[in-house]
Amino acid sequence: MSATLPWWGLAVLGAGIAAATSVATRGVLGYLRRRAVLDLPNERSSHTVPTPRGGGLAVVLVLIPAWGALSLAAEAPAPGAGFALAAALALGALSWLDDVGGLSPLSRLLVQVGAVAATLVAMGEAGPYLGGLLPRSLDVVVAGLAWVWFVNLYNFMDGIDGITGVETASIGAGVAGVAFVAGLGGPLPAYGVVIAACALGFLRWNWHPARIFLGDVGSVPLGFLLGWLLLVLAARGQWAAALVLPLYYLVDATLTLARRGLRGEKVWKPHREHFYQRAVRAGRSHAAVSAAVLAADLALVALAGLAAAGWPWPALAGAAAVVAALLLWLSVPPRGAPRDPSP
């Protein structure tokens, strides 16, 4: 795959992947019901009925082989692609154990750090990741820390119906669009289309009211692979676009973690304090919140294209305004809606 697939080829690929993921999700849903792998409602949940957890099995079973095939077909695959896929598979297996039995936060973190470090080593001289603003050694360290945080925030932010499917589809489509605008070519646009299509296929089952949740087996590998994809984009000179695309998830998770940390709370414990969760508690529906995130994400995709076209600073300023507007909307309760009194 020395050249980028034409738009119609990517469209056919995306349609096939979305259909395959939807079919696989239906099969996994039956399996989870038989095994009684359920997310039971509690005082920290945003759902009210027991719902199968672990739908990410379907996403991973479609995504990883598809990306593997793209990498094998490419004359010049993205740096570290093989290691990234192997590490995502290992993280998926570990996260499945966490979904069905529970693992300590420290053990999960250590495996994530190892996966990120190994893949960064495999990526070799790719980079710089931060636009050349830092010395090479520090650039890699900061990129690695940001990647580990991204894996965890992707898990933290998967708290209402549809939100992570929307975010994944938007980032994947954005990566493909930026690659086209910047003329990067190769397998990068196809990687983006495939992961976006997987998310859309899963969304059929996860949109409100959700019949199945991703679980850690989905959110952790997705966060890892999207983090890798964004770093590859940054290493190809598109650091501003790589920052713009996930900016809402980055800001919501980081501000919430900082707020909880300053109050002396255990930041790894489940809670309902993210901006999107507070909006649901204030009376907005899951569908309304996820649709608002989608609208903001579409604006961020357009701004990432602007950055790729050679306007990084206006794009970053616009992205900051979009995210600020979304956070403000999420913070204002709708008129007349019943409010959840829980903290």
Protein backbone atom coordinates (compact mmCIF):
# COMPACT_ATOMS: atom_id res chain seq x y z
CA MET A 1 0.00 0.00 0.00
CA SER A 2 2.45 2.59 -1.21
CA ALA A 3 -0.33 5.02 -2.08
CA THR A 4 -3.44 6.02 -0.23
CA LEU A 5 -6.64 4.20 -1.13
CA PRO A 6 -9.04 6.38 -3.17
CA TRP A 7 -12.01 7.83 -1.33
CA TRP A 8 -14.37 5.20 -2.69
CA GLY A 9 -12.01 2.43 -1.58
CA LEU A 10 -11.91 3.86 1.94
CA ALA A 11 -15.72 4.16 1.90
CA VAL A 12 -16.11 0.49 0.94
CA LEU A 13 -13.55 -0.52 3.57
CA GLY A 14 -15.33 1.52 6.24
CA ALA A 15 -18.76 0.13 5.39
CA GLY A 16 -17.49 -3.44 5.58
CA ILE A 17 -15.72 -2.86 8.90
CA ALA A 18 -18.78 -1.17 10.43
CA ALA A 19 -20.99 -4.07 9.37
CA ALA A 20 -18.53 -6.64 10.69
CA THR A 21 -18.29 -4.85 14.04
CA SER A 22 -22.08 -4.63 14.36
CA VAL A 23 -22.46 -8.36 13.67
CA ALA A 24 -19.62 -9.21 16.07
CA THR A 25 -21.20 -7.02 18.78
CA ARG A 26 -24.47 -8.90 18.44
CA GLY A 27 -22.64 -12.17 18.98
CA VAL A 28 -20.67 -10.83 21.95
CA LEU A 29 -23.88 -9.47 23.49
CA GLY A 30 -25.37 -12.97 23.58
CA TYR A 31 -22.16 -14.38 25.06
CA LEU A 32 -22.04 -11.75 27.82
CA ARG A 33 -25.67 -12.35 28.71
CA ARG A 34 -25.06 -16.09 29.00
CA ARG A 35 -22.01 -15.49 31.17
CA ALA A 36 -23.85 -12.83 33.21
CA VAL A 37 -21.02 -10.32 32.70
CA LEU A 38 -23.10 -7.34 33.73
CA ASP A 39 -22.47 -3.77 34.83
CA LEU A 40 -24.74 -3.47 37.86
CA PRO A 41 -26.07 0.02 38.72
CA ASN A 42 -24.73 1.68 41.86
CA GLU A 43 -24.57 5.15 43.34
CA ARG A 44 -21.70 6.08 40.99
CA SER A 45 -23.35 4.75 37.80
CA SER A 46 -25.07 6.75 35.08
CA HIS A 47 -27.31 3.81 34.10
CA THR A 48 -30.25 2.29 35.99
CA VAL A 49 -30.56 -1.30 34.70
CA PRO A 50 -28.00 -4.15 34.61
CA THR A 51 -26.27 -4.01 31.23
CA PRO A 52 -23.76 -6.42 29.64
CA ARG A 53 -20.21 -5.10 29.91
CA GLY A 54 -17.42 -6.21 27.57
CA GLY A 55 -18.67 -5.22 24.13
CA GLY A 56 -15.16 -4.04 23.39
CA LEU A 57 -14.37 -7.69 22.67
CA ALA A 58 -16.18 -7.28 19.35
CA VAL A 59 -14.38 -4.03 18.54
CA VAL A 60 -10.94 -5.47 19.31
CA LEU A 61 -11.62 -8.69 17.38
CA VAL A 62 -12.38 -6.65 14.25
CA LEU A 63 -9.99 -3.72 14.69
CA ILE A 64 -6.71 -5.49 15.44
CA PRO A 65 -6.86 -7.98 12.52
CA ALA A 66 -7.94 -5.18 10.16
CA TRP A 67 -5.07 -2.92 11.21
CA GLY A 68 -2.73 -5.91 11.05
CA ALA A 69 -3.75 -6.62 7.46
CA LEU A 70 -3.26 -2.95 6.53
CA SER A 71 0.20 -2.99 8.10
CA LEU A 72 1.22 -6.16 6.26
CA ALA A 73 -0.02 -4.73 2.94
CA ALA A 74 1.81 -1.43 3.39
CA GLU A 75 5.22 -0.96 1.80
CA ALA A 76 6.03 1.45 4.61
CA PRO A 77 3.78 0.77 7.64
CA ALA A 78 3.55 3.38 10.36
CA PRO A 79 6.43 3.22 12.87
CA GLY A 80 5.96 0.62 15.59
CA ALA A 81 2.68 -0.67 14.11
CA GLY A 82 3.39 -4.32 14.93
CA PHE A 83 4.38 -3.55 18.52
CA ALA A 84 1.35 -1.28 18.95
CA LEU A 85 -1.02 -4.05 17.85
CA ALA A 86 0.65 -6.68 20.03
CA ALA A 87 0.58 -4.34 23.02
CA ALA A 88 -3.09 -3.48 22.39
CA LEU A 89 -3.92 -7.18 22.29
CA ALA A 90 -2.13 -7.72 25.61
CA LEU A 91 -3.91 -4.73 27.15
CA GLY A 92 -7.22 -6.06 25.87
CA ALA A 93 -6.61 -9.45 27.49
CA LEU A 94 -5.64 -7.83 30.79
CA SER A 95 -8.64 -5.50 30.65
CA TRP A 96 -10.98 -8.43 30.01
CA LEU A 97 -9.71 -10.01 33.22
CA ASP A 98 -10.42 -6.70 34.93
CA ASP A 99 -13.97 -6.65 33.52
CA VAL A 100 -14.80 -10.13 34.78
CA GLY A 101 -12.78 -10.22 38.00
CA GLY A 102 -11.13 -6.93 38.89
CA LEU A 103 -7.44 -6.04 39.04
CA SER A 104 -5.54 -3.56 41.17
CA PRO A 105 -5.02 -0.06 39.71
CA LEU A 106 -1.25 -0.43 40.18
CA SER A 107 -1.03 -3.65 38.16
CA ARG A 108 -3.04 -2.09 35.33
CA LEU A 109 -0.86 1.01 35.34
CA LEU A 110 2.40 -0.96 35.27
CA VAL A 111 1.28 -2.97 32.25
CA GLN A 112 0.17 0.20 30.46
CA VAL A 113 3.52 1.88 31.13
CA GLY A 114 5.33 -1.19 29.81
CA ALA A 115 3.18 -1.28 26.66
CA VAL A 116 3.77 2.41 25.96
CA ALA A 117 7.52 2.21 26.64
CA ALA A 118 7.99 -0.87 24.44
CA THR A 119 6.07 0.67 21.55
CA LEU A 120 7.94 3.98 21.78
CA VAL A 121 11.24 2.05 21.61
CA ALA A 122 9.92 0.17 18.57
CA MET A 123 9.02 3.48 16.93
CA GLY A 124 12.74 4.29 16.89
CA GLU A 125 13.66 7.71 15.55
CA ALA A 126 10.07 8.74 14.78
CA GLY A 127 9.34 12.24 15.90
CA PRO A 128 9.76 14.74 17.34
CA TYR A 129 6.30 14.39 18.83
CA LEU A 130 5.96 17.88 20.29
CA GLY A 131 6.91 19.98 17.28
CA GLY A 132 10.60 20.14 18.17
CA LEU A 133 9.92 22.27 21.24
CA LEU A 134 11.88 19.92 23.53
CA PRO A 135 15.20 18.01 23.32
CA ARG A 136 14.79 14.53 21.84
CA SER A 137 15.11 12.59 25.12
CA LEU A 138 12.64 14.84 26.93
CA ASP A 139 10.31 14.84 23.93
CA VAL A 140 9.99 11.05 24.10
CA VAL A 141 9.48 11.03 27.88
CA VAL A 142 6.73 13.65 27.75
CA ALA A 143 5.08 11.87 24.81
CA GLY A 144 5.14 8.61 26.79
CA LEU A 145 3.61 10.17 29.89
CA ALA A 146 0.93 11.84 27.77
CA TRP A 147 0.18 8.51 26.10
CA VAL A 148 -0.22 6.70 29.44
CA TRP A 149 -2.55 9.46 30.62
CA PHE A 150 -4.52 9.25 27.39
CA VAL A 151 -5.05 5.49 27.86
CA ASN A 152 -6.43 6.09 31.34
CA LEU A 153 -8.58 9.10 30.52
CA TYR A 154 -10.15 7.17 27.66
CA ASN A 155 -11.24 4.62 30.23
CA PHE A 156 -12.41 7.29 32.70
CA MET A 157 -14.48 9.11 30.07
CA ASP A 158 -16.45 6.04 28.99
CA GLY A 159 -19.30 6.73 31.41
CA ILE A 160 -22.52 7.30 29.44
CA ASP A 161 -24.18 5.72 26.42
CA GLY A 162 -22.55 6.52 23.11
CA ILE A 163 -19.88 8.99 24.23
CA THR A 164 -16.76 6.92 23.56
CA GLY A 165 -18.16 5.59 20.29
CA VAL A 166 -18.69 9.19 19.18
CA GLU A 167 -15.22 10.25 20.31
CA THR A 168 -13.50 7.28 18.66
CA ALA A 169 -15.32 7.75 15.36
CA SER A 170 -14.49 11.47 15.37
CA ILE A 171 -10.79 11.03 16.12
CA GLY A 172 -10.45 8.23 13.56
CA ALA A 173 -12.20 10.24 10.86
CA GLY A 174 -10.15 13.28 11.85
CA VAL A 175 -6.87 11.40 11.48
CA ALA A 176 -7.92 10.25 8.01
CA GLY A 177 -8.93 13.80 7.05
CA VAL A 178 -5.72 15.36 8.35
CA ALA A 179 -3.65 12.75 6.50
CA PHE A 180 -5.43 13.68 3.26
CA VAL A 181 -5.08 17.43 3.77
CA ALA A 182 -1.41 17.15 4.72
CA GLY A 183 -0.67 14.66 1.92
CA LEU A 184 0.72 12.05 4.31
CA GLY A 185 -0.63 9.06 2.36
CA GLY A 186 0.30 5.45 3.06
CA PRO A 187 -1.83 3.41 5.49
CA LEU A 188 -2.56 6.30 7.89
CA PRO A 189 -5.94 7.32 6.35
CA ALA A 190 -7.04 3.67 6.29
CA TYR A 191 -6.10 3.22 9.96
CA GLY A 192 -8.31 6.19 10.78
CA VAL A 193 -11.23 5.00 8.67
CA VAL A 194 -11.10 1.49 10.14
CA ILE A 195 -11.13 2.59 13.78
CA ALA A 196 -13.90 5.10 13.05
CA ALA A 197 -15.94 2.39 11.33
CA CYS A 198 -15.48 0.02 14.26
CA ALA A 199 -16.86 2.70 16.56
CA LEU A 200 -19.85 3.33 14.31
CA GLY A 201 -20.64 -0.39 14.12
CA PHE A 202 -20.54 -0.59 17.90
CA LEU A 203 -22.63 2.57 18.33
CA ARG A 204 -25.64 0.79 16.86
CA TRP A 205 -25.76 -1.19 20.10
CA ASN A 206 -24.35 1.41 22.48
CA TRP A 207 -26.45 4.49 21.64
CA HIS A 208 -28.95 5.42 24.34
CA PRO A 209 -30.53 3.32 25.69
CA ALA A 210 -27.43 1.16 25.44
CA ARG A 211 -27.84 -2.59 25.15
CA ILE A 212 -24.14 -3.19 25.79
CA PHE A 213 -21.14 -1.31 27.21
CA LEU A 214 -17.55 -1.29 25.92
CA GLY A 215 -16.01 -2.24 29.24
CA ASP A 216 -12.29 -1.89 29.94
CA VAL A 217 -11.61 -4.50 27.25
CA GLY A 218 -12.75 -1.88 24.73
CA SER A 219 -11.86 1.51 26.20
CA VAL A 220 -8.27 0.65 27.19
CA PRO A 221 -7.10 -0.79 23.82
CA LEU A 222 -8.95 1.98 21.98
CA GLY A 223 -7.23 4.63 24.08
CA PHE A 224 -3.88 2.94 23.49
CA LEU A 225 -4.28 2.61 19.71
CA LEU A 226 -5.72 6.10 19.27
CA GLY A 227 -2.83 7.46 21.35
CA TRP A 228 -0.38 5.70 19.03
CA LEU A 229 -2.21 7.01 15.96
CA LEU A 230 -2.11 10.58 17.27
CA LEU A 231 1.61 10.28 18.07
CA VAL A 232 2.27 8.99 14.55
CA LEU A 233 0.38 12.01 13.23
CA ALA A 234 2.44 14.30 15.46
CA ALA A 235 5.67 12.62 14.34
CA ARG A 236 4.72 13.42 10.74
CA GLY A 237 4.67 17.12 11.61
CA GLN A 238 0.98 17.42 12.55
CA TRP A 239 1.39 17.99 16.30
CA ALA A 240 -1.28 20.72 16.41
CA ALA A 241 -3.88 18.54 14.68
CA ALA A 242 -2.99 15.65 16.99
CA LEU A 243 -3.73 17.89 19.97
CA VAL A 244 -6.92 19.40 18.54
CA LEU A 245 -8.70 16.12 17.71
CA PRO A 246 -8.97 14.69 21.28
CA LEU A 247 -9.05 18.06 23.03
CA TYR A 248 -12.47 17.70 24.69
CA TYR A 249 -11.60 14.35 26.29
CA LEU A 250 -8.21 15.70 27.37
CA VAL A 251 -9.64 18.82 29.01
CA ASP A 252 -12.67 17.21 30.70
CA ALA A 253 -10.63 14.35 32.18
CA THR A 254 -7.67 16.51 33.21
CA LEU A 255 -9.74 19.23 34.88
CA THR A 256 -11.83 16.64 36.71
CA LEU A 257 -8.74 14.75 37.92
CA ALA A 258 -7.13 17.99 39.08
CA ARG A 259 -10.28 19.06 40.94
CA ARG A 260 -10.56 15.69 42.69
CA GLY A 261 -6.85 15.61 43.50
CA LEU A 262 -6.94 19.07 45.04
CA ARG A 263 -9.77 17.88 47.31
CA GLY A 264 -7.61 14.98 48.46
CA GLU A 265 -9.81 12.32 46.85
CA LYS A 266 -8.58 9.04 45.37
CA VAL A 267 -8.53 9.98 41.71
CA TRP A 268 -8.64 6.37 40.47
CA LYS A 269 -11.92 5.61 42.24
CA PRO A 270 -15.21 5.56 40.24
CA HIS A 271 -17.20 8.79 40.37
CA ARG A 272 -19.71 10.92 38.46
CA GLU A 273 -17.90 14.26 38.41
CA HIS A 274 -16.83 14.63 34.78
CA PHE A 275 -18.54 17.50 33.00
CA TYR A 276 -20.58 15.13 30.84
CA GLN A 277 -21.68 13.12 33.91
CA ARG A 278 -22.70 16.25 35.77
CA ALA A 279 -24.80 17.25 32.74
CA VAL A 280 -26.64 13.91 32.90
CA ARG A 281 -27.12 14.28 36.65
CA ALA A 282 -28.55 17.76 36.02
CA GLY A 283 -31.24 16.31 33.76
CA ARG A 284 -29.81 16.11 30.25
CA SER A 285 -30.24 12.76 28.50
CA HIS A 286 -27.35 10.51 27.50
CA ALA A 287 -28.30 11.01 23.85
CA ALA A 288 -28.35 14.81 24.16
CA VAL A 289 -24.93 14.91 25.81
CA SER A 290 -23.35 12.50 23.34
CA ALA A 291 -24.89 14.47 20.45
CA ALA A 292 -23.39 17.69 21.84
CA VAL A 293 -19.98 15.99 22.09
CA LEU A 294 -20.39 14.87 18.47
CA ALA A 295 -21.17 18.43 17.36
CA ALA A 296 -18.08 19.74 19.16
CA ASP A 297 -15.96 16.90 17.76
CA LEU A 298 -17.03 17.70 14.20
CA ALA A 299 -15.87 21.28 14.77
CA LEU A 300 -12.57 19.96 16.14
CA VAL A 301 -12.13 17.74 13.06
CA ALA A 302 -12.58 20.81 10.84
CA LEU A 303 -10.09 22.78 12.95
CA ALA A 304 -7.58 19.90 12.79
CA GLY A 305 -7.88 20.15 8.99
CA LEU A 306 -7.13 23.86 9.30
CA ALA A 307 -4.02 23.05 11.31
CA ALA A 308 -2.94 20.52 8.68
CA ALA A 309 -3.41 23.17 6.00
CA GLY A 310 -0.76 25.33 7.70
CA TRP A 311 -2.72 27.31 10.30
CA PRO A 312 -1.86 25.60 13.61
CA TRP A 313 -2.25 28.52 16.00
CA PRO A 314 -5.65 29.73 14.76
CA ALA A 315 -6.77 26.09 14.84
CA LEU A 316 -5.64 25.69 18.45
CA ALA A 317 -7.38 28.94 19.44
CA GLY A 318 -10.57 27.82 17.74
CA ALA A 319 -10.37 24.40 19.39
CA ALA A 320 -9.99 25.99 22.83
CA ALA A 321 -13.11 28.08 22.15
CA VAL A 322 -15.10 25.02 21.00
CA VAL A 323 -14.17 23.00 24.09
CA ALA A 324 -14.87 25.94 26.42
CA ALA A 325 -18.31 26.35 24.84
CA LEU A 326 -19.07 22.64 25.25
CA LEU A 327 -17.97 22.63 28.90
CA LEU A 328 -20.15 25.67 29.55
CA TRP A 329 -23.17 23.98 27.94
CA LEU A 330 -22.55 20.83 29.98
CA SER A 331 -22.34 22.92 33.16
CA VAL A 332 -25.68 24.71 32.71
CA PRO A 333 -28.70 22.61 33.79
CA PRO A 334 -31.60 22.51 31.34
CA ARG A 335 -34.71 24.42 32.39
CA GLY A 336 -37.28 22.42 34.26
CA ALA A 337 -35.28 19.17 34.28
CA PRO A 338 -35.29 17.05 37.46
CA ARG A 339 -31.89 17.14 39.09
CA ASP A 340 -29.99 14.19 40.54
CA PRO A 341 -29.27 15.20 44.15
CA SER A 342 -26.39 12.76 44.62
CA PRO A 343 -22.88 14.25 44.98
